[in-house]
Protein backbone atom coordinates (compact mmCIF):
# COMPACT_ATOMS: atom_id res chain seq x y z
CA UNK A 1 0.00 0.00 0.00
CA UNK A 2 2.80 2.44 0.91
CA UNK A 3 4.70 1.52 -2.26
CA UNK A 4 1.63 2.18 -4.39
CA UNK A 5 1.12 5.56 -2.71
CA UNK A 6 4.78 6.46 -3.30
CA UNK A 7 4.47 5.56 -7.00
CA UNK A 8 1.33 7.67 -7.34
CA UNK A 9 3.07 10.60 -5.68
CA UNK A 10 6.03 10.22 -8.07
CA UNK A 11 3.69 10.19 -11.07
CA UNK A 12 1.86 13.21 -9.70
CA UNK A 13 5.14 15.09 -9.22
CA UNK A 14 6.31 14.28 -12.76
CA UNK A 15 2.99 15.35 -14.27
CA UNK A 16 2.99 18.62 -12.34
CA UNK A 17 6.55 19.32 -13.49
CA UNK A 18 5.59 18.57 -17.10
CA UNK A 19 2.59 20.90 -16.84
CA UNK A 20 4.79 23.69 -15.46
CA UNK A 21 7.27 23.18 -18.30
CA UNK A 22 4.50 23.30 -20.90
CA UNK A 23 3.40 26.58 -19.34
CA UNK A 24 6.94 27.93 -19.77
CA UNK A 25 7.97 27.53 -16.13
CA UNK A 26 10.92 25.55 -14.71
CA UNK A 27 12.82 25.55 -18.01
CA UNK A 28 16.20 26.69 -16.66
CA UNK A 29 17.45 23.20 -15.79
CA UNK A 30 16.53 21.61 -19.14
CA UNK A 31 19.09 20.62 -21.73
CA UNK A 32 18.81 21.87 -25.29
CA UNK A 33 17.63 18.41 -26.42
CA UNK A 34 14.92 18.35 -23.78
CA UNK A 35 13.84 21.86 -24.81
CA UNK A 36 13.63 20.73 -28.44
CA UNK A 37 11.56 17.70 -27.41
CA UNK A 38 9.27 19.95 -25.39
CA UNK A 39 8.91 22.31 -28.35
CA UNK A 40 8.12 19.38 -30.65
CA UNK A 41 5.46 18.05 -28.27
CA UNK A 42 3.89 21.48 -27.96
CA UNK A 43 3.87 21.92 -31.73
CA UNK A 44 2.14 18.56 -32.14
CA UNK A 45 -0.37 19.44 -29.44
CA UNK A 46 -1.05 22.79 -31.08
CA UNK A 47 -1.65 21.06 -34.41
CA UNK A 48 -4.07 18.66 -32.74
CA UNK A 49 -5.99 21.54 -31.16
CA UNK A 50 -6.12 23.44 -34.45
CA UNK A 51 -7.31 20.34 -36.27
CA UNK A 52 -10.09 19.81 -33.76
CA UNK A 53 -11.05 23.48 -33.90
CA UNK A 54 -11.27 23.48 -37.70
CA UNK A 55 -13.28 20.24 -37.62
CA UNK A 56 -15.79 21.78 -35.19
CA UNK A 57 -16.03 24.97 -37.28
CA UNK A 58 -16.54 22.94 -40.48
CA UNK A 59 -19.23 20.82 -38.84
CA UNK A 60 -21.04 23.91 -37.56
CA UNK A 61 -20.73 25.57 -40.96
CA UNK A 62 -22.12 22.50 -42.75
CA UNK A 63 -25.03 22.37 -40.29
CA UNK A 64 -25.81 26.04 -40.87
CA UNK A 65 -25.70 25.58 -44.64
CA UNK A 66 -28.14 22.68 -44.41
CA UNK A 67 -30.48 24.78 -42.25
CA UNK A 68 -30.31 27.68 -44.71
CA UNK A 69 -31.01 25.36 -47.64
CA UNK A 70 -33.95 23.84 -45.76
CA UNK A 71 -35.35 27.29 -44.92
CA UNK A 72 -34.95 28.48 -48.52
CA UNK A 73 -36.84 25.42 -49.74
CA UNK A 74 -39.53 25.92 -47.12
CA UNK A 75 -39.80 29.59 -48.09
CA UNK A 76 -40.20 28.63 -51.74
CA UNK A 77 -42.96 26.15 -50.88
CA UNK A 78 -44.81 28.69 -48.73
CA UNK A 79 -44.53 31.27 -51.48
CA UNK A 80 -46.01 28.86 -54.02
CA UNK A 81 -48.85 28.03 -51.61
CA UNK A 82 -49.54 31.72 -51.07
CA UNK A 83 -49.56 32.45 -54.80
CA UNK A 84 -51.89 29.50 -55.41
CA UNK A 85 -54.33 30.73 -52.74
CA UNK A 86 -54.12 34.24 -54.14
CA UNK A 87 -54.95 32.96 -57.62
CA UNK A 88 -57.89 30.96 -56.19
CA UNK A 89 -59.24 34.10 -54.48
CA UNK A 90 -58.92 36.09 -57.70
CA UNK A 91 -60.55 33.26 -59.69
CA UNK A 92 -63.53 32.86 -57.33
CA UNK A 93 -64.13 36.53 -56.69
CA UNK A 94 -64.02 37.51 -60.35
PDB file of N, CA and C in Angstrom:
ATOM      1  N   UNK A   1       0.821  -1.192   0.000  1.00  0.00           N
ATOM      2  CA  UNK A   1       0.000   0.000   0.000  1.00  0.00           C
ATOM      3  C   UNK A   1       0.872   1.266   0.000  1.00  0.00           C
ATOM      4  N   UNK A   2       1.900   1.292   0.840  1.00  0.00           N
ATOM      5  CA  UNK A   2       2.803   2.437   0.909  1.00  0.00           C
ATOM      6  C   UNK A   2       3.573   2.604  -0.406  1.00  0.00           C
ATOM      7  N   UNK A   3       3.968   1.479  -0.981  1.00  0.00           N
ATOM      8  CA  UNK A   3       4.699   1.517  -2.255  1.00  0.00           C
ATOM      9  C   UNK A   3       3.817   2.094  -3.368  1.00  0.00           C
ATOM     10  N   UNK A   4       2.576   1.680  -3.389  1.00  0.00           N
ATOM     11  CA  UNK A   4       1.628   2.178  -4.385  1.00  0.00           C
ATOM     12  C   UNK A   4       1.428   3.687  -4.212  1.00  0.00           C
ATOM     13  N   UNK A   5       1.291   4.138  -2.999  1.00  0.00           N
ATOM     14  CA  UNK A   5       1.124   5.558  -2.712  1.00  0.00           C
ATOM     15  C   UNK A   5       2.362   6.341  -3.145  1.00  0.00           C
ATOM     16  N   UNK A   6       3.537   5.798  -2.892  1.00  0.00           N
ATOM     17  CA  UNK A   6       4.775   6.463  -3.302  1.00  0.00           C
ATOM     18  C   UNK A   6       4.852   6.592  -4.826  1.00  0.00           C
ATOM     19  N   UNK A   7       4.459   5.521  -5.534  1.00  0.00           N
ATOM     20  CA  UNK A   7       4.467   5.563  -7.002  1.00  0.00           C
ATOM     21  C   UNK A   7       3.483   6.606  -7.528  1.00  0.00           C
ATOM     22  N   UNK A   8       2.319   6.670  -6.927  1.00  0.00           N
ATOM     23  CA  UNK A   8       1.332   7.670  -7.340  1.00  0.00           C
ATOM     24  C   UNK A   8       1.834   9.088  -7.087  1.00  0.00           C
ATOM     25  N   UNK A   9       2.498   9.287  -5.973  1.00  0.00           N
ATOM     26  CA  UNK A   9       3.074  10.603  -5.676  1.00  0.00           C
ATOM     27  C   UNK A   9       4.166  10.966  -6.674  1.00  0.00           C
ATOM     28  N   UNK A  10       4.990   9.973  -7.068  1.00  0.00           N
ATOM     29  CA  UNK A  10       6.026  10.219  -8.074  1.00  0.00           C
ATOM     30  C   UNK A  10       5.407  10.611  -9.413  1.00  0.00           C
ATOM     31  N   UNK A  11       4.378   9.887  -9.817  1.00  0.00           N
ATOM     32  CA  UNK A  11       3.689  10.190 -11.073  1.00  0.00           C
ATOM     33  C   UNK A  11       3.081  11.590 -11.011  1.00  0.00           C
ATOM     34  N   UNK A  12       2.456  11.892  -9.886  1.00  0.00           N
ATOM     35  CA  UNK A  12       1.863  13.214  -9.701  1.00  0.00           C
ATOM     36  C   UNK A  12       2.916  14.311  -9.809  1.00  0.00           C
ATOM     37  N   UNK A  13       4.053  14.106  -9.175  1.00  0.00           N
ATOM     38  CA  UNK A  13       5.141  15.088  -9.219  1.00  0.00           C
ATOM     39  C   UNK A  13       5.636  15.291 -10.654  1.00  0.00           C
ATOM     40  N   UNK A  14       5.831  14.191 -11.377  1.00  0.00           N
ATOM     41  CA  UNK A  14       6.313  14.284 -12.762  1.00  0.00           C
ATOM     42  C   UNK A  14       5.304  15.002 -13.650  1.00  0.00           C
ATOM     43  N   UNK A  15       4.026  14.698 -13.466  1.00  0.00           N
ATOM     44  CA  UNK A  15       2.987  15.350 -14.269  1.00  0.00           C
ATOM     45  C   UNK A  15       2.908  16.842 -13.971  1.00  0.00           C
ATOM     46  N   UNK A  16       3.012  17.202 -12.697  1.00  0.00           N
ATOM     47  CA  UNK A  16       2.986  18.619 -12.337  1.00  0.00           C
ATOM     48  C   UNK A  16       4.185  19.357 -12.937  1.00  0.00           C
ATOM     49  N   UNK A  17       5.345  18.711 -12.910  1.00  0.00           N
ATOM     50  CA  UNK A  17       6.546  19.317 -13.487  1.00  0.00           C
ATOM     51  C   UNK A  17       6.376  19.493 -14.997  1.00  0.00           C
ATOM     52  N   UNK A  18       5.825  18.490 -15.649  1.00  0.00           N
ATOM     53  CA  UNK A  18       5.588  18.567 -17.095  1.00  0.00           C
ATOM     54  C   UNK A  18       4.602  19.688 -17.428  1.00  0.00           C
ATOM     55  N   UNK A  19       3.568  19.825 -16.628  1.00  0.00           N
ATOM     56  CA  UNK A  19       2.594  20.905 -16.843  1.00  0.00           C
ATOM     57  C   UNK A  19       3.268  22.263 -16.698  1.00  0.00           C
ATOM     58  N   UNK A  20       4.091  22.416 -15.655  1.00  0.00           N
ATOM     59  CA  UNK A  20       4.790  23.691 -15.455  1.00  0.00           C
ATOM     60  C   UNK A  20       5.692  23.996 -16.649  1.00  0.00           C
ATOM     61  N   UNK A  21       6.380  22.976 -17.162  1.00  0.00           N
ATOM     62  CA  UNK A  21       7.266  23.182 -18.302  1.00  0.00           C
ATOM     63  C   UNK A  21       6.473  23.569 -19.549  1.00  0.00           C
ATOM     64  N   UNK A  22       5.326  22.954 -19.736  1.00  0.00           N
ATOM     65  CA  UNK A  22       4.497  23.295 -20.896  1.00  0.00           C
ATOM     66  C   UNK A  22       3.919  24.702 -20.780  1.00  0.00           C
ATOM     67  N   UNK A  23       3.855  25.204 -19.562  1.00  0.00           N
ATOM     68  CA  UNK A  23       3.396  26.577 -19.344  1.00  0.00           C
ATOM     69  C   UNK A  23       4.569  27.560 -19.421  1.00  0.00           C
ATOM     70  N   UNK A  24       5.767  27.064 -19.654  1.00  0.00           N
ATOM     71  CA  UNK A  24       6.936  27.933 -19.766  1.00  0.00           C
ATOM     72  C   UNK A  24       7.657  28.160 -18.455  1.00  0.00           C
ATOM     73  N   UNK A  25       7.327  27.403 -17.439  1.00  0.00           N
ATOM     74  CA  UNK A  25       7.967  27.534 -16.129  1.00  0.00           C
ATOM     75  C   UNK A  25       8.984  26.403 -15.946  1.00  0.00           C
ATOM     76  N   UNK A  26       9.922  26.575 -15.049  1.00  0.00           N
ATOM     77  CA  UNK A  26      10.919  25.546 -14.709  1.00  0.00           C
ATOM     78  C   UNK A  26      11.693  25.043 -15.929  1.00  0.00           C
ATOM     79  N   UNK A  27      12.091  25.948 -16.807  1.00  0.00           N
ATOM     80  CA  UNK A  27      12.820  25.549 -18.014  1.00  0.00           C
ATOM     81  C   UNK A  27      14.335  25.713 -17.866  1.00  0.00           C
ATOM     82  N   UNK A  28      14.775  26.368 -16.804  1.00  0.00           N
ATOM     83  CA  UNK A  28      16.197  26.692 -16.657  1.00  0.00           C
ATOM     84  C   UNK A  28      17.090  25.455 -16.581  1.00  0.00           C
ATOM     85  N   UNK A  29      16.617  24.388 -15.995  1.00  0.00           N
ATOM     86  CA  UNK A  29      17.452  23.195 -15.790  1.00  0.00           C
ATOM     87  C   UNK A  29      17.428  22.231 -16.974  1.00  0.00           C
ATOM     88  N   UNK A  30      16.675  22.541 -18.025  1.00  0.00           N
ATOM     89  CA  UNK A  30      16.528  21.609 -19.138  1.00  0.00           C
ATOM     90  C   UNK A  30      17.674  21.734 -20.125  1.00  0.00           C
ATOM     91  N   UNK A  31      18.062  20.609 -20.692  1.00  0.00           N
ATOM     92  CA  UNK A  31      19.093  20.616 -21.735  1.00  0.00           C
ATOM     93  C   UNK A  31      18.455  21.090 -23.043  1.00  0.00           C
ATOM     94  N   UNK A  32      19.303  21.398 -23.995  1.00  0.00           N
ATOM     95  CA  UNK A  32      18.814  21.865 -25.295  1.00  0.00           C
ATOM     96  C   UNK A  32      17.984  20.768 -25.977  1.00  0.00           C
ATOM     97  N   UNK A  33      18.401  19.519 -25.818  1.00  0.00           N
ATOM     98  CA  UNK A  33      17.635  18.413 -26.417  1.00  0.00           C
ATOM     99  C   UNK A  33      16.253  18.286 -25.784  1.00  0.00           C
ATOM    100  N   UNK A  34      16.207  18.433 -24.464  1.00  0.00           N
ATOM    101  CA  UNK A  34      14.921  18.351 -23.779  1.00  0.00           C
ATOM    102  C   UNK A  34      14.023  19.524 -24.182  1.00  0.00           C
ATOM    103  N   UNK A  35      14.614  20.700 -24.359  1.00  0.00           N
ATOM    104  CA  UNK A  35      13.842  21.864 -24.807  1.00  0.00           C
ATOM    105  C   UNK A  35      13.295  21.636 -26.216  1.00  0.00           C
ATOM    106  N   UNK A  36      14.104  21.035 -27.074  1.00  0.00           N
ATOM    107  CA  UNK A  36      13.634  20.725 -28.437  1.00  0.00           C
ATOM    108  C   UNK A  36      12.496  19.711 -28.403  1.00  0.00           C
ATOM    109  N   UNK A  37      12.638  18.692 -27.555  1.00  0.00           N
ATOM    110  CA  UNK A  37      11.562  17.704 -27.414  1.00  0.00           C
ATOM    111  C   UNK A  37      10.277  18.367 -26.923  1.00  0.00           C
ATOM    112  N   UNK A  38      10.422  19.236 -25.935  1.00  0.00           N
ATOM    113  CA  UNK A  38       9.270  19.946 -25.391  1.00  0.00           C
ATOM    114  C   UNK A  38       8.614  20.804 -26.471  1.00  0.00           C
ATOM    115  N   UNK A  39       9.432  21.486 -27.252  1.00  0.00           N
ATOM    116  CA  UNK A  39       8.911  22.309 -28.346  1.00  0.00           C
ATOM    117  C   UNK A  39       8.179  21.445 -29.364  1.00  0.00           C
ATOM    118  N   UNK A  40       8.739  20.292 -29.682  1.00  0.00           N
ATOM    119  CA  UNK A  40       8.115  19.384 -30.651  1.00  0.00           C
ATOM    120  C   UNK A  40       6.763  18.889 -30.128  1.00  0.00           C
ATOM    121  N   UNK A  41       6.717  18.511 -28.864  1.00  0.00           N
ATOM    122  CA  UNK A  41       5.460  18.049 -28.273  1.00  0.00           C
ATOM    123  C   UNK A  41       4.410  19.160 -28.275  1.00  0.00           C
ATOM    124  N   UNK A  42       4.838  20.365 -27.980  1.00  0.00           N
ATOM    125  CA  UNK A  42       3.889  21.481 -27.960  1.00  0.00           C
ATOM    126  C   UNK A  42       3.404  21.808 -29.361  1.00  0.00           C
ATOM    127  N   UNK A  43       4.277  21.695 -30.345  1.00  0.00           N
ATOM    128  CA  UNK A  43       3.867  21.919 -31.734  1.00  0.00           C
ATOM    129  C   UNK A  43       2.846  20.873 -32.161  1.00  0.00           C
ATOM    130  N   UNK A  44       3.091  19.621 -31.813  1.00  0.00           N
ATOM    131  CA  UNK A  44       2.144  18.557 -32.141  1.00  0.00           C
ATOM    132  C   UNK A  44       0.805  18.776 -31.444  1.00  0.00           C
ATOM    133  N   UNK A  45       0.858  19.175 -30.192  1.00  0.00           N
ATOM    134  CA  UNK A  45      -0.374  19.443 -29.444  1.00  0.00           C
ATOM    135  C   UNK A  45      -1.144  20.603 -30.069  1.00  0.00           C
ATOM    136  N   UNK A  46      -0.418  21.639 -30.448  1.00  0.00           N
ATOM    137  CA  UNK A  46      -1.052  22.791 -31.082  1.00  0.00           C
ATOM    138  C   UNK A  46      -1.728  22.377 -32.389  1.00  0.00           C
ATOM    139  N   UNK A  47      -1.061  21.546 -33.163  1.00  0.00           N
ATOM    140  CA  UNK A  47      -1.650  21.064 -34.414  1.00  0.00           C
ATOM    141  C   UNK A  47      -2.909  20.240 -34.152  1.00  0.00           C
ATOM    142  N   UNK A  48      -2.883  19.431 -33.103  1.00  0.00           N
ATOM    143  CA  UNK A  48      -4.073  18.655 -32.743  1.00  0.00           C
ATOM    144  C   UNK A  48      -5.236  19.570 -32.366  1.00  0.00           C
ATOM    145  N   UNK A  49      -4.941  20.601 -31.578  1.00  0.00           N
ATOM    146  CA  UNK A  49      -5.986  21.536 -31.155  1.00  0.00           C
ATOM    147  C   UNK A  49      -6.542  22.282 -32.367  1.00  0.00           C
ATOM    148  N   UNK A  50      -5.667  22.738 -33.231  1.00  0.00           N
ATOM    149  CA  UNK A  50      -6.121  23.442 -34.445  1.00  0.00           C
ATOM    150  C   UNK A  50      -6.974  22.520 -35.321  1.00  0.00           C
ATOM    151  N   UNK A  51      -6.539  21.285 -35.476  1.00  0.00           N
ATOM    152  CA  UNK A  51      -7.307  20.339 -36.275  1.00  0.00           C
ATOM    153  C   UNK A  51      -8.701  20.129 -35.715  1.00  0.00           C
ATOM    154  N   UNK A  52      -8.782  19.988 -34.412  1.00  0.00           N
ATOM    155  CA  UNK A  52     -10.085  19.810 -33.764  1.00  0.00           C
ATOM    156  C   UNK A  52     -10.946  21.060 -33.931  1.00  0.00           C
ATOM    157  N   UNK A  53     -10.319  22.216 -33.752  1.00  0.00           N
ATOM    158  CA  UNK A  53     -11.047  23.477 -33.896  1.00  0.00           C
ATOM    159  C   UNK A  53     -11.614  23.617 -35.308  1.00  0.00           C
ATOM    160  N   UNK A  54     -10.802  23.351 -36.320  1.00  0.00           N
ATOM    161  CA  UNK A  54     -11.268  23.475 -37.700  1.00  0.00           C
ATOM    162  C   UNK A  54     -12.354  22.444 -38.011  1.00  0.00           C
ATOM    163  N   UNK A  55     -12.243  21.263 -37.422  1.00  0.00           N
ATOM    164  CA  UNK A  55     -13.281  20.243 -37.618  1.00  0.00           C
ATOM    165  C   UNK A  55     -14.609  20.720 -37.033  1.00  0.00           C
ATOM    166  N   UNK A  56     -14.558  21.280 -35.834  1.00  0.00           N
ATOM    167  CA  UNK A  56     -15.786  21.782 -35.188  1.00  0.00           C
ATOM    168  C   UNK A  56     -16.383  22.919 -36.020  1.00  0.00           C
ATOM    169  N   UNK A  57     -15.544  23.839 -36.474  1.00  0.00           N
ATOM    170  CA  UNK A  57     -16.029  24.965 -37.282  1.00  0.00           C
ATOM    171  C   UNK A  57     -16.651  24.453 -38.577  1.00  0.00           C
ATOM    172  N   UNK A  58     -16.004  23.492 -39.231  1.00  0.00           N
ATOM    173  CA  UNK A  58     -16.535  22.943 -40.482  1.00  0.00           C
ATOM    174  C   UNK A  58     -17.875  22.263 -40.241  1.00  0.00           C
ATOM    175  N   UNK A  59     -17.981  21.501 -39.164  1.00  0.00           N
ATOM    176  CA  UNK A  59     -19.229  20.820 -38.845  1.00  0.00           C
ATOM    177  C   UNK A  59     -20.340  21.832 -38.590  1.00  0.00           C
ATOM    178  N   UNK A  60     -20.042  22.873 -37.825  1.00  0.00           N
ATOM    179  CA  UNK A  60     -21.040  23.906 -37.561  1.00  0.00           C
ATOM    180  C   UNK A  60     -21.437  24.629 -38.844  1.00  0.00           C
ATOM    181  N   UNK A  61     -20.469  24.895 -39.689  1.00  0.00           N
ATOM    182  CA  UNK A  61     -20.725  25.571 -40.956  1.00  0.00           C
ATOM    183  C   UNK A  61     -21.615  24.708 -41.853  1.00  0.00           C
ATOM    184  N   UNK A  62     -21.303  23.421 -41.943  1.00  0.00           N
ATOM    185  CA  UNK A  62     -22.120  22.504 -42.745  1.00  0.00           C
ATOM    186  C   UNK A  62     -23.550  22.444 -42.220  1.00  0.00           C
ATOM    187  N   UNK A  63     -23.693  22.406 -40.900  1.00  0.00           N
ATOM    188  CA  UNK A  63     -25.027  22.372 -40.288  1.00  0.00           C
ATOM    189  C   UNK A  63     -25.803  23.637 -40.633  1.00  0.00           C
ATOM    190  N   UNK A  64     -25.146  24.772 -40.539  1.00  0.00           N
ATOM    191  CA  UNK A  64     -25.812  26.041 -40.872  1.00  0.00           C
ATOM    192  C   UNK A  64     -26.221  26.084 -42.343  1.00  0.00           C
ATOM    193  N   UNK A  65     -25.367  25.600 -43.215  1.00  0.00           N
ATOM    194  CA  UNK A  65     -25.700  25.579 -44.643  1.00  0.00           C
ATOM    195  C   UNK A  65     -26.921  24.699 -44.918  1.00  0.00           C
ATOM    196  N   UNK A  66     -26.986  23.559 -44.246  1.00  0.00           N
ATOM    197  CA  UNK A  66     -28.142  22.681 -44.406  1.00  0.00           C
ATOM    198  C   UNK A  66     -29.409  23.362 -43.911  1.00  0.00           C
ATOM    199  N   UNK A  67     -29.322  24.074 -42.788  1.00  0.00           N
ATOM    200  CA  UNK A  67     -30.482  24.782 -42.253  1.00  0.00           C
ATOM    201  C   UNK A  67     -30.929  25.879 -43.213  1.00  0.00           C
ATOM    202  N   UNK A  68     -29.976  26.620 -43.767  1.00  0.00           N
ATOM    203  CA  UNK A  68     -30.308  27.681 -44.714  1.00  0.00           C
ATOM    204  C   UNK A  68     -30.976  27.083 -45.948  1.00  0.00           C
ATOM    205  N   UNK A  69     -30.424  26.010 -46.454  1.00  0.00           N
ATOM    206  CA  UNK A  69     -31.012  25.357 -47.638  1.00  0.00           C
ATOM    207  C   UNK A  69     -32.434  24.893 -47.334  1.00  0.00           C
ATOM    208  N   UNK A  70     -32.633  24.301 -46.164  1.00  0.00           N
ATOM    209  CA  UNK A  70     -33.954  23.842 -45.761  1.00  0.00           C
ATOM    210  C   UNK A  70     -34.929  25.018 -45.662  1.00  0.00           C
ATOM    211  N   UNK A  71     -34.487  26.114 -45.057  1.00  0.00           N
ATOM    212  CA  UNK A  71     -35.346  27.292 -44.921  1.00  0.00           C
ATOM    213  C   UNK A  71     -35.671  27.920 -46.278  1.00  0.00           C
ATOM    214  N   UNK A  72     -34.697  27.944 -47.180  1.00  0.00           N
ATOM    215  CA  UNK A  72     -34.955  28.481 -48.522  1.00  0.00           C
ATOM    216  C   UNK A  72     -35.985  27.626 -49.249  1.00  0.00           C
ATOM    217  N   UNK A  73     -35.867  26.317 -49.108  1.00  0.00           N
ATOM    218  CA  UNK A  73     -36.836  25.419 -49.737  1.00  0.00           C
ATOM    219  C   UNK A  73     -38.221  25.605 -49.124  1.00  0.00           C
ATOM    220  N   UNK A  74     -38.255  25.708 -47.824  1.00  0.00           N
ATOM    221  CA  UNK A  74     -39.528  25.920 -47.121  1.00  0.00           C
ATOM    222  C   UNK A  74     -40.151  27.253 -47.538  1.00  0.00           C
ATOM    223  N   UNK A  75     -39.326  28.288 -47.649  1.00  0.00           N
ATOM    224  CA  UNK A  75     -39.805  29.593 -48.087  1.00  0.00           C
ATOM    225  C   UNK A  75     -40.401  29.501 -49.498  1.00  0.00           C
ATOM    226  N   UNK A  76     -39.699  28.807 -50.376  1.00  0.00           N
ATOM    227  CA  UNK A  76     -40.204  28.634 -51.743  1.00  0.00           C
ATOM    228  C   UNK A  76     -41.548  27.922 -51.761  1.00  0.00           C
ATOM    229  N   UNK A  77     -41.689  26.887 -50.947  1.00  0.00           N
ATOM    230  CA  UNK A  77     -42.958  26.152 -50.883  1.00  0.00           C
ATOM    231  C   UNK A  77     -44.084  27.032 -50.345  1.00  0.00           C
ATOM    232  N   UNK A  78     -43.793  27.788 -49.295  1.00  0.00           N
ATOM    233  CA  UNK A  78     -44.806  28.691 -48.733  1.00  0.00           C
ATOM    234  C   UNK A  78     -45.206  29.773 -49.739  1.00  0.00           C
ATOM    235  N   UNK A  79     -44.241  30.261 -50.470  1.00  0.00           N
ATOM    236  CA  UNK A  79     -44.527  31.275 -51.485  1.00  0.00           C
ATOM    237  C   UNK A  79     -45.429  30.713 -52.578  1.00  0.00           C
ATOM    238  N   UNK A  80     -45.151  29.492 -53.002  1.00  0.00           N
ATOM    239  CA  UNK A  80     -46.005  28.860 -54.021  1.00  0.00           C
ATOM    240  C   UNK A  80     -47.414  28.635 -53.480  1.00  0.00           C
ATOM    241  N   UNK A  81     -47.528  28.203 -52.211  1.00  0.00           N
ATOM    242  CA  UNK A  81     -48.849  28.027 -51.609  1.00  0.00           C
ATOM    243  C   UNK A  81     -49.602  29.353 -51.556  1.00  0.00           C
ATOM    244  N   UNK A  82     -48.914  30.401 -51.164  1.00  0.00           N
ATOM    245  CA  UNK A  82     -49.538  31.717 -51.068  1.00  0.00           C
ATOM    246  C   UNK A  82     -50.021  32.185 -52.439  1.00  0.00           C
ATOM    247  N   UNK A  83     -49.177  32.029 -53.452  1.00  0.00           N
ATOM    248  CA  UNK A  83     -49.560  32.449 -54.796  1.00  0.00           C
ATOM    249  C   UNK A  83     -50.744  31.641 -55.313  1.00  0.00           C
ATOM    250  N   UNK A  84     -50.767  30.336 -54.982  1.00  0.00           N
ATOM    251  CA  UNK A  84     -51.887  29.501 -55.410  1.00  0.00           C
ATOM    252  C   UNK A  84     -53.177  29.952 -54.734  1.00  0.00           C
ATOM    253  N   UNK A  85     -53.132  30.259 -53.450  1.00  0.00           N
ATOM    254  CA  UNK A  85     -54.329  30.730 -52.738  1.00  0.00           C
ATOM    255  C   UNK A  85     -54.767  32.084 -53.271  1.00  0.00           C
ATOM    256  N   UNK A  86     -53.807  32.924 -53.587  1.00  0.00           N
ATOM    257  CA  UNK A  86     -54.123  34.238 -54.139  1.00  0.00           C
ATOM    258  C   UNK A  86     -54.812  34.092 -55.484  1.00  0.00           C
ATOM    259  N   UNK A  87     -54.320  33.204 -56.318  1.00  0.00           N
ATOM    260  CA  UNK A  87     -54.953  32.959 -57.619  1.00  0.00           C
ATOM    261  C   UNK A  87     -56.358  32.406 -57.439  1.00  0.00           C
ATOM    262  N   UNK A  88     -56.556  31.518 -56.460  1.00  0.00           N
ATOM    263  CA  UNK A  88     -57.889  30.957 -56.187  1.00  0.00           C
ATOM    264  C   UNK A  88     -58.847  32.069 -55.771  1.00  0.00           C
ATOM    265  N   UNK A  89     -58.375  32.994 -54.929  1.00  0.00           N
ATOM    266  CA  UNK A  89     -59.238  34.098 -54.485  1.00  0.00           C
ATOM    267  C   UNK A  89     -59.614  34.997 -55.660  1.00  0.00           C
ATOM    268  N   UNK A  90     -58.653  35.243 -56.519  1.00  0.00           N
ATOM    269  CA  UNK A  90     -58.924  36.092 -57.698  1.00  0.00           C
ATOM    270  C   UNK A  90     -59.910  35.361 -58.615  1.00  0.00           C
ATOM    271  N   UNK A  91     -59.729  34.075 -58.787  1.00  0.00           N
ATOM    272  CA  UNK A  91     -60.554  33.262 -59.685  1.00  0.00           C
ATOM    273  C   UNK A  91     -62.003  33.219 -59.188  1.00  0.00           C
ATOM    274  N   UNK A  92     -62.178  32.985 -57.867  1.00  0.00           N
ATOM    275  CA  UNK A  92     -63.525  32.858 -57.326  1.00  0.00           C
ATOM    276  C   UNK A  92     -64.226  34.201 -57.143  1.00  0.00           C
ATOM    277  N   UNK A  93     -63.476  35.245 -56.908  1.00  0.00           N
ATOM    278  CA  UNK A  93     -64.126  36.532 -56.686  1.00  0.00           C
ATOM    279  C   UNK A  93     -64.404  37.245 -58.012  1.00  0.00           C
ATOM    280  N   UNK A  94     -63.822  36.825 -59.072  1.00  0.00           N
ATOM    281  CA  UNK A  94     -64.023  37.508 -60.346  1.00  0.00           C
ATOM    282  C   UNK A  94     -65.066  36.926 -61.157  1.00  0.00           C
TER     283      UNK A  94
END
